[in-house]
Protein backbone atom coordinates (compact mmCIF):
# COMPACT_ATOMS: atom_id res chain seq x y z
CA MET A 1 341.70 114.38 106.54
CA ASN A 2 344.67 115.71 108.41
CA PRO A 3 347.03 112.99 109.74
CA GLU A 4 347.05 114.58 113.18
CA LEU A 5 343.26 114.39 113.36
CA ARG A 6 343.37 110.77 112.25
CA GLU A 7 345.70 109.95 115.11
CA LEU A 8 343.59 111.95 117.52
CA PHE A 9 340.38 110.14 116.59
CA GLU A 10 342.19 106.84 115.95
CA ILE A 11 340.83 106.58 112.41
CA LYS A 12 342.54 104.01 110.23
CA GLN A 13 342.11 103.73 106.48
CA GLU A 14 343.13 100.05 106.40
CA ASP A 15 340.19 99.01 108.57
CA LYS A 16 337.71 100.48 106.11
CA GLU A 17 339.26 98.55 103.22
CA LYS A 18 339.13 95.30 105.21
CA ASP A 19 335.52 95.96 106.16
CA LYS A 20 334.63 96.38 102.48
CA LYS A 21 336.20 92.99 101.64
CA ILE A 22 334.41 91.31 104.53
CA SER A 23 331.10 92.90 103.61
CA LYS A 24 331.39 91.51 100.07
CA VAL A 25 331.63 87.98 101.43
CA THR A 26 328.83 88.42 103.96
CA ASP A 27 326.70 90.13 101.30
CA GLN A 28 326.54 86.82 99.46
CA ASN A 29 324.69 84.98 102.30
CA VAL A 30 326.72 81.80 101.94
CA LYS A 31 325.11 79.95 104.85
CA SER A 32 321.53 80.50 103.75
CA HIS A 33 322.45 79.70 100.15
CA ILE A 34 323.95 76.36 101.13
CA THR A 35 321.18 75.39 103.56
CA THR A 36 318.32 76.07 101.15
CA ARG A 37 319.94 74.21 98.25
CA LEU A 38 320.99 71.36 100.52
CA ALA A 39 317.50 71.06 101.99
CA VAL A 40 315.95 70.86 98.52
CA PHE A 41 318.52 68.28 97.42
CA ILE A 42 318.09 66.10 100.52
CA LEU A 43 314.29 66.24 100.39
CA GLY A 44 314.27 65.36 96.70
CA THR A 45 316.77 62.56 97.18
CA ILE A 46 314.90 61.04 100.13
CA CYS A 47 311.68 60.98 98.12
CA PHE A 48 313.56 59.50 95.17
CA VAL A 49 315.10 56.76 97.34
CA ILE A 50 311.70 55.95 98.85
CA ALA A 51 310.27 55.63 95.35
CA ILE A 52 313.08 53.33 94.25
CA ASN A 53 312.77 51.08 97.31
CA GLU A 54 309.03 50.57 96.94
CA GLU A 55 308.43 46.99 95.84
CA LYS A 56 304.73 47.25 95.07
CA GLY A 57 305.25 47.64 91.35
CA GLY A 58 302.63 48.99 89.06
CA TRP A 59 301.86 52.34 87.55
CA GLU A 60 301.91 54.31 90.78
CA GLU A 61 305.56 53.55 91.43
CA ILE A 62 306.53 54.37 87.86
CA ALA A 63 304.62 57.65 88.00
CA PHE A 64 306.32 58.57 91.28
CA LEU A 65 309.75 57.76 89.83
CA ILE A 66 309.03 59.90 86.78
CA PHE A 67 307.78 62.74 88.99
CA MET A 68 310.92 62.67 91.13
CA ALA A 69 313.18 62.50 88.06
CA ILE A 70 311.40 65.56 86.65
CA PHE A 71 311.79 67.31 90.02
CA HIS A 72 315.54 66.66 90.09
CA GLY A 73 315.83 67.68 86.43
CA LEU A 74 314.05 70.98 87.05
CA TRP A 75 316.15 71.58 90.14
CA LEU A 76 319.31 70.91 88.12
CA LEU A 77 318.14 73.35 85.44
CA PHE A 78 317.39 75.98 88.11
CA ILE A 79 320.84 75.56 89.65
CA ILE A 80 322.55 75.87 86.24
CA ILE A 81 320.61 79.05 85.39
CA GLU A 82 321.32 80.48 88.82
CA ALA A 83 325.05 79.72 88.42
CA VAL A 84 325.09 81.69 85.16
CA ILE A 85 323.27 84.61 86.79
CA LEU A 86 325.65 84.57 89.77
CA GLN A 87 328.60 84.58 87.35
CA ARG A 88 327.25 87.73 85.71
CA LYS A 89 326.72 89.39 89.10
CA LYS A 90 330.30 88.46 90.05
CA LYS A 91 329.22 86.45 93.10
CA PHE A 92 331.81 83.76 92.59
CA ILE A 93 331.46 82.05 95.97
CA LEU A 94 327.76 81.36 95.43
CA ARG A 95 328.46 80.29 91.84
CA ASN A 96 331.01 77.77 93.07
CA ILE A 97 328.50 76.42 95.57
CA ASN A 98 326.00 75.90 92.75
CA LEU A 99 328.63 74.17 90.63
CA ALA A 100 329.35 71.84 93.55
CA PHE A 101 325.64 71.02 93.81
CA ILE A 102 325.51 70.31 90.08
CA LEU A 103 328.41 67.91 90.47
CA ILE A 104 326.80 66.23 93.48
CA LEU A 105 323.50 65.75 91.64
CA LEU A 106 325.18 64.31 88.56
CA LEU A 107 327.26 61.94 90.69
CA THR A 108 324.13 60.87 92.54
CA TYR A 109 322.40 59.95 89.29
CA PHE A 110 325.51 58.21 87.99
CA ILE A 111 325.92 56.11 91.14
CA SER A 112 322.21 55.26 91.30
CA GLY A 113 322.39 54.27 87.63
CA ILE A 114 325.25 51.92 88.40
CA PHE A 115 323.33 50.28 91.24
CA LEU A 116 320.02 50.06 89.42
CA PHE A 117 321.08 49.09 85.94
CA GLY A 118 324.55 47.63 86.51
CA PHE A 119 326.46 49.79 84.04
CA ALA A 120 329.79 49.01 85.66
């Protein structure tokens, strides 16, 4: 386009390049990605804590603990697979969020293991 016409219509090339960078970040839906993963983690953790604090004993409590451990294990597997897929799609912000959730889940199990079994 002619520079005179650009000035006349106030068209700037730099704005389009900035918009492309911004659209890449907003294309990744960071807020919804965090809220859904956080909601699943909090719900699973609350149920797991309730199961641990039950003092009834018996097979029901053990079954509930096993169920919640399987739930967290499957969720961890899902997050790992999703992180690999996001790496391939070059969505690095969402991949980093998943890696943070993996770290949080592993730390949660490590800390609960210390409190329950006294590893420290």
